[in-house]
């Protein structure tokens, strides 16, 4: 696992890779939806070209919010994983649930929820919140369940609420049991119920429909892109 470090000048750099018994410092983690061609990659960050991409604003937001919360380090999936390495990508996929669970803070950045004036904010944010694309994605299921602290923000960085004070709304949108949102062990819920939480979610790569559920079932399974949706789900079902 690599983290991002925000310097006093506001620039971001990657830490060394934490492995084995390395002590990982407290960190914030970002949950968001991707937009093709706009996200800052690992290569962009190491080359110093990431600021040219629209997705850099999300990284800036996460770093600034982490700093406000007294955290020096943070993690963003688009640029902290070297996806050119299949071994690193597979390890990251299998570690993702744990990384979100262990984060001090999880910030959900909703790029399709916009607020401007305070009156408009009070009147409009809830309907947009319920329609957000974030609730339809496969990977964001574990990103909602795993962390203890989950806070939701509009695209302007306006805080909308957290997992605790929005739990009824989150249940209505997602169908996830409130006790699961409160942190009850997932083993308390049947495999059928856990699978139902993902029933209406989509992933860009068909295999991710299965891979995004590994942490939900506490399963380790190597990622084999190219095996297809059926192959990945068959392997997952066998492990369950």
Protein backbone atom coordinates (compact mmCIF):
# COMPACT_ATOMS: atom_id res chain seq x y z
CA UNK A 1 0.00 0.00 0.00
CA UNK A 2 1.21 3.48 -0.90
CA UNK A 3 -0.18 6.69 0.56
CA UNK A 4 -0.25 10.26 -0.65
CA UNK A 5 1.45 12.95 1.38
CA UNK A 6 0.49 16.61 1.09
CA UNK A 7 3.41 19.02 1.50
CA UNK A 8 3.26 22.49 3.06
CA UNK A 9 3.16 23.95 -0.46
CA UNK A 10 0.06 21.92 -1.34
CA UNK A 11 1.82 19.47 -3.66
CA UNK A 12 1.25 15.73 -3.42
CA UNK A 13 3.78 12.91 -3.46
CA UNK A 14 3.62 9.15 -2.99
CA UNK A 15 5.13 7.50 0.06
CA UNK A 16 7.17 4.33 -0.06
CA UNK A 17 5.18 1.13 -0.39
CA UNK A 18 4.15 -0.25 3.01
CA UNK A 19 4.57 -4.02 3.14
CA UNK A 20 4.64 -6.81 5.71
CA UNK A 21 4.98 -5.54 9.26
CA UNK A 22 5.46 -1.89 8.25
CA UNK A 23 3.47 0.47 10.45
CA UNK A 24 0.97 2.37 8.30
CA UNK A 25 0.26 5.90 9.62
CA UNK A 26 -3.34 7.08 10.11
CA UNK A 27 -4.83 8.04 6.75
CA UNK A 28 -7.98 9.25 5.03
CA UNK A 29 -9.37 7.44 1.99
CA UNK A 30 -11.44 8.66 -0.97
CA UNK A 31 -14.52 6.98 -2.39
CA UNK A 32 -15.73 8.31 -5.73
CA UNK A 33 -16.86 7.39 -9.24
CA UNK A 34 -14.45 7.38 -12.16
CA UNK A 35 -14.81 9.29 -15.42
CA UNK A 36 -12.90 7.89 -18.38
CA UNK A 37 -9.88 9.96 -19.39
CA UNK A 38 -10.11 12.37 -16.45
CA UNK A 39 -8.56 10.41 -13.58
CA UNK A 40 -5.00 10.94 -12.34
CA UNK A 41 -3.05 7.69 -12.73
CA UNK A 42 -0.02 6.35 -10.89
CA UNK A 43 2.11 7.27 -13.91
CA UNK A 44 0.65 10.81 -14.02
CA UNK A 45 1.57 11.36 -10.41
CA UNK A 46 5.10 9.98 -10.70
CA UNK A 47 5.66 11.96 -13.92
CA UNK A 48 4.34 15.15 -12.34
CA UNK A 49 1.65 15.59 -15.01
CA UNK A 50 -1.44 14.83 -12.93
CA UNK A 51 -2.51 18.44 -12.44
CA UNK A 52 -3.59 18.58 -16.09
CA UNK A 53 -6.42 16.12 -15.48
CA UNK A 54 -9.87 17.08 -14.18
CA UNK A 55 -9.67 14.34 -11.55
CA UNK A 56 -6.85 16.19 -9.80
CA UNK A 57 -9.48 18.33 -8.06
CA UNK A 58 -10.73 15.26 -6.20
CA UNK A 59 -7.21 14.52 -5.00
CA UNK A 60 -6.82 18.13 -3.91
CA UNK A 61 -10.15 17.95 -2.07
CA UNK A 62 -9.18 14.73 -0.27
CA UNK A 63 -5.80 16.13 0.78
CA UNK A 64 -7.29 19.37 2.07
CA UNK A 65 -10.10 17.62 3.95
CA UNK A 66 -7.61 15.19 5.49
CA UNK A 67 -5.52 18.12 6.66
CA UNK A 68 -8.60 19.73 8.25
CA UNK A 69 -9.15 16.45 10.09
CA UNK A 70 -5.55 16.38 11.31
CA UNK A 71 -4.39 13.66 8.91
CA UNK A 72 -1.15 14.01 6.98
CA UNK A 73 -1.67 11.01 4.71
CA UNK A 74 -4.46 9.92 2.38
CA UNK A 75 -5.22 7.31 -0.30
CA UNK A 76 -6.91 7.57 -3.70
CA UNK A 77 -7.37 4.42 -5.78
CA UNK A 78 -6.76 5.99 -9.20
CA UNK A 79 -3.16 6.99 -8.49
CA UNK A 80 -1.92 4.96 -5.51
CA UNK A 81 -2.01 1.62 -7.36
CA UNK A 82 0.39 0.83 -10.19
CA UNK A 83 -2.12 -0.94 -12.43
CA UNK A 84 0.57 -1.78 -14.97
CA UNK A 85 1.62 -4.53 -12.54
CA UNK A 86 -0.94 -7.36 -12.59
CA UNK A 87 0.46 -8.71 -9.30
CA UNK A 88 0.07 -5.34 -7.56
CA UNK A 89 -3.43 -4.86 -8.98
CA UNK A 90 -4.53 -8.31 -7.79
CA UNK A 91 -3.08 -7.67 -4.32
CA UNK A 92 -4.84 -4.30 -4.15
CA UNK A 93 -8.19 -5.81 -5.16
CA UNK A 94 -7.90 -8.39 -2.40
CA UNK A 95 -6.78 -5.78 0.15
CA UNK A 96 -9.29 -3.07 -0.72
CA UNK A 97 -11.91 -3.88 1.91
CA UNK A 98 -9.23 -3.90 4.64
CA UNK A 99 -7.77 -0.60 3.42
CA UNK A 100 -11.18 1.07 3.63
CA UNK A 101 -11.93 -0.58 6.97
CA UNK A 102 -8.66 0.61 8.50
CA UNK A 103 -8.92 4.23 7.27
CA UNK A 104 -9.37 6.90 9.92
CA UNK A 105 -11.79 8.73 7.61
CA UNK A 106 -13.55 7.88 4.36
CA UNK A 107 -14.68 10.80 2.21
CA UNK A 108 -17.35 10.11 -0.39
CA UNK A 109 -17.02 12.67 -3.18
CA UNK A 110 -20.30 12.91 -5.13
CA UNK A 111 -19.47 14.60 -8.42
CA UNK A 112 -23.13 14.60 -9.51
CA UNK A 113 -24.50 16.26 -6.36
CA UNK A 114 -24.19 20.03 -6.62
CA UNK A 115 -25.13 22.75 -4.15
CA UNK A 116 -24.69 26.50 -4.36
CA UNK A 117 -26.58 28.86 -2.04
CA UNK A 118 -27.60 27.68 1.43
CA UNK A 119 -31.33 27.81 0.56
CA UNK A 120 -30.79 25.71 -2.53
CA UNK A 121 -28.64 23.35 -0.50
CA UNK A 122 -31.42 22.74 2.00
CA UNK A 123 -34.04 22.30 -0.72
CA UNK A 124 -32.26 20.21 -3.35
CA UNK A 125 -29.44 18.07 -2.06
CA UNK A 126 -31.44 15.07 -0.82
CA UNK A 127 -33.10 14.19 -4.18
CA UNK A 128 -29.77 14.55 -6.01
CA UNK A 129 -28.09 12.52 -3.30
CA UNK A 130 -30.55 9.64 -3.77
CA UNK A 131 -29.99 9.68 -7.54
CA UNK A 132 -26.21 9.78 -7.35
CA UNK A 133 -24.34 7.38 -9.62
CA UNK A 134 -22.18 6.48 -6.62
CA UNK A 135 -24.97 4.24 -5.30
CA UNK A 136 -25.07 2.22 -8.53
CA UNK A 137 -21.41 1.18 -8.69
CA UNK A 138 -20.11 -2.23 -7.62
CA UNK A 139 -16.95 -1.10 -5.83
CA UNK A 140 -18.68 1.52 -3.70
CA UNK A 141 -20.66 -1.16 -1.84
CA UNK A 142 -17.66 -2.13 0.28
CA UNK A 143 -16.58 1.50 0.48
CA UNK A 144 -19.84 2.27 2.27
CA UNK A 145 -19.81 -0.77 4.56
CA UNK A 146 -16.15 -1.20 5.53
CA UNK A 147 -15.10 2.15 7.09
CA UNK A 148 -16.30 3.19 10.50
CA UNK A 149 -16.32 6.87 9.52
CA UNK A 150 -17.94 7.72 6.15
CA UNK A 151 -18.68 11.34 5.28
CA UNK A 152 -20.49 12.54 2.15
CA UNK A 153 -19.55 15.68 0.20
CA UNK A 154 -20.98 17.50 -2.81
CA UNK A 155 -18.78 18.31 -5.78
CA UNK A 156 -18.16 21.73 -4.25
CA UNK A 157 -16.80 20.07 -1.10
CA UNK A 158 -19.91 20.86 0.97
CA UNK A 159 -20.39 18.27 3.72
CA UNK A 160 -23.80 16.62 3.40
CA UNK A 161 -23.72 14.24 6.36
CA UNK A 162 -22.20 10.97 7.49
CA UNK A 163 -23.04 7.28 7.68
CA UNK A 164 -24.55 7.67 11.14
CA UNK A 165 -26.94 10.57 10.61
CA UNK A 166 -27.92 9.42 7.11
CA UNK A 167 -28.34 5.74 7.93
CA UNK A 168 -32.09 5.59 7.23
CA UNK A 169 -31.63 7.31 3.87
CA UNK A 170 -28.71 5.00 3.04
CA UNK A 171 -30.83 1.97 3.89
CA UNK A 172 -33.66 3.21 1.67
CA UNK A 173 -31.29 3.78 -1.26
CA UNK A 174 -29.08 0.72 -0.95
CA UNK A 175 -31.13 -1.91 0.86
CA UNK A 176 -28.14 -2.60 3.11
CA UNK A 177 -29.26 -3.62 6.59
CA UNK A 178 -28.87 -0.81 9.11
CA UNK A 179 -26.97 -3.11 11.47
CA UNK A 180 -24.44 -3.75 8.68
CA UNK A 181 -24.10 0.02 8.18
CA UNK A 182 -23.47 0.31 11.92
CA UNK A 183 -20.58 -2.13 11.74
CA UNK A 184 -22.06 -5.47 12.75
CA UNK A 185 -19.87 -8.37 11.53
CA UNK A 186 -20.85 -9.32 7.99
CA UNK A 187 -20.85 -12.98 9.03
CA UNK A 188 -24.11 -12.17 10.84
CA UNK A 189 -25.80 -11.76 7.45
CA UNK A 190 -26.51 -14.63 5.07
CA UNK A 191 -24.68 -14.94 1.76
CA UNK A 192 -28.00 -14.42 -0.01
CA UNK A 193 -28.62 -11.14 1.82
CA UNK A 194 -25.10 -9.86 1.15
CA UNK A 195 -25.41 -10.73 -2.54
CA UNK A 196 -28.72 -8.85 -2.66
CA UNK A 197 -26.93 -5.63 -1.67
CA UNK A 198 -24.97 -5.82 -4.95
CA UNK A 199 -27.87 -6.95 -7.16
CA UNK A 200 -28.45 -3.64 -8.96
CA UNK A 201 -24.87 -2.40 -9.07
CA UNK A 202 -22.68 -2.25 -12.16
CA UNK A 203 -18.95 -2.39 -12.83
CA UNK A 204 -17.06 -1.28 -15.92
CA UNK A 205 -15.11 -4.55 -16.20
CA UNK A 206 -17.34 -7.59 -16.05
CA UNK A 207 -15.04 -9.56 -13.74
CA UNK A 208 -15.23 -6.77 -11.15
CA UNK A 209 -18.83 -7.77 -10.46
CA UNK A 210 -17.27 -10.66 -8.52
CA UNK A 211 -13.98 -9.09 -7.44
CA UNK A 212 -15.74 -6.16 -5.78
CA UNK A 213 -17.43 -8.61 -3.40
CA UNK A 214 -14.30 -10.33 -2.07
CA UNK A 215 -14.16 -8.23 1.09
CA UNK A 216 -17.90 -8.58 1.67
CA UNK A 217 -17.34 -12.34 2.01
CA UNK A 218 -13.85 -12.21 3.56
CA UNK A 219 -12.44 -14.14 0.60
CA UNK A 220 -9.04 -14.02 -1.08
CA UNK A 221 -9.14 -14.85 -4.80
CA UNK A 222 -6.60 -13.90 -7.46
CA UNK A 223 -7.89 -11.47 -10.07
CA UNK A 224 -7.79 -12.97 -13.57
CA UNK A 225 -8.98 -10.36 -16.03
CA UNK A 226 -10.11 -12.10 -19.19
CA UNK A 227 -11.91 -14.94 -17.41
CA UNK A 228 -15.21 -13.13 -17.94
CA UNK A 229 -18.14 -12.47 -15.65
CA UNK A 230 -19.29 -16.10 -15.51
CA UNK A 231 -15.86 -17.47 -14.64
CA UNK A 232 -15.26 -14.88 -11.91
CA UNK A 233 -18.69 -15.38 -10.35
CA UNK A 234 -18.32 -19.17 -10.47
CA UNK A 235 -15.03 -18.94 -8.58
CA UNK A 236 -16.60 -16.57 -6.06
CA UNK A 237 -19.56 -18.91 -5.49
CA UNK A 238 -17.20 -21.85 -4.91
CA UNK A 239 -15.26 -19.86 -2.32
CA UNK A 240 -18.45 -18.76 -0.56
